Amino acid sequence: TDEPAVVDGNIVSTAHYKDLGPWMKTALNLVEK
């Protein structure tokens, strides 16, 4: 996909290391829930 971060259940993934900022934000938001 062209999304910077993709969430599937408890898995957060990204296609490219250039998207690590949005990926980390998404991962932290998921953990805070």
Protein backbone atom coordinates (compact mmCIF):
# COMPACT_ATOMS: atom_id res chain seq x y z
CA THR A 1 0.00 0.00 0.00
CA ASP A 2 0.97 3.65 -0.10
CA GLU A 3 0.08 4.12 3.56
CA PRO A 4 2.92 5.11 5.92
CA ALA A 5 1.69 2.59 8.51
CA VAL A 6 -0.70 -0.33 8.28
CA VAL A 7 -2.38 -1.88 11.35
CA ASP A 8 -3.64 -5.47 11.35
CA GLY A 9 -4.75 -6.50 14.80
CA ASN A 10 -1.70 -5.93 17.02
CA ILE A 11 0.77 -5.79 14.10
CA VAL A 12 1.93 -2.41 12.78
CA SER A 13 4.02 -2.46 9.62
CA THR A 14 5.47 -0.06 7.09
CA ALA A 15 6.71 -0.58 3.56
CA HIS A 16 9.80 1.64 3.74
CA TYR A 17 12.12 3.02 6.41
CA LYS A 18 11.33 6.59 5.26
CA ASP A 19 7.95 6.14 6.99
CA LEU A 20 9.36 5.24 10.42
CA GLY A 21 8.06 8.46 12.02
CA PRO A 22 4.39 7.84 11.19
CA TRP A 23 4.92 4.13 11.92
CA MET A 24 6.22 4.86 15.43
CA LYS A 25 3.35 7.26 16.13
CA THR A 26 0.83 4.62 15.04
CA ALA A 27 2.56 1.93 17.12
CA LEU A 28 2.60 4.11 20.24
CA ASN A 29 -1.07 5.04 19.79
CA LEU A 30 -1.91 1.32 19.56
CA VAL A 31 0.05 0.51 22.74
CA GLU A 32 -1.61 3.35 24.68
CA LYS A 33 -5.09 1.89 24.09
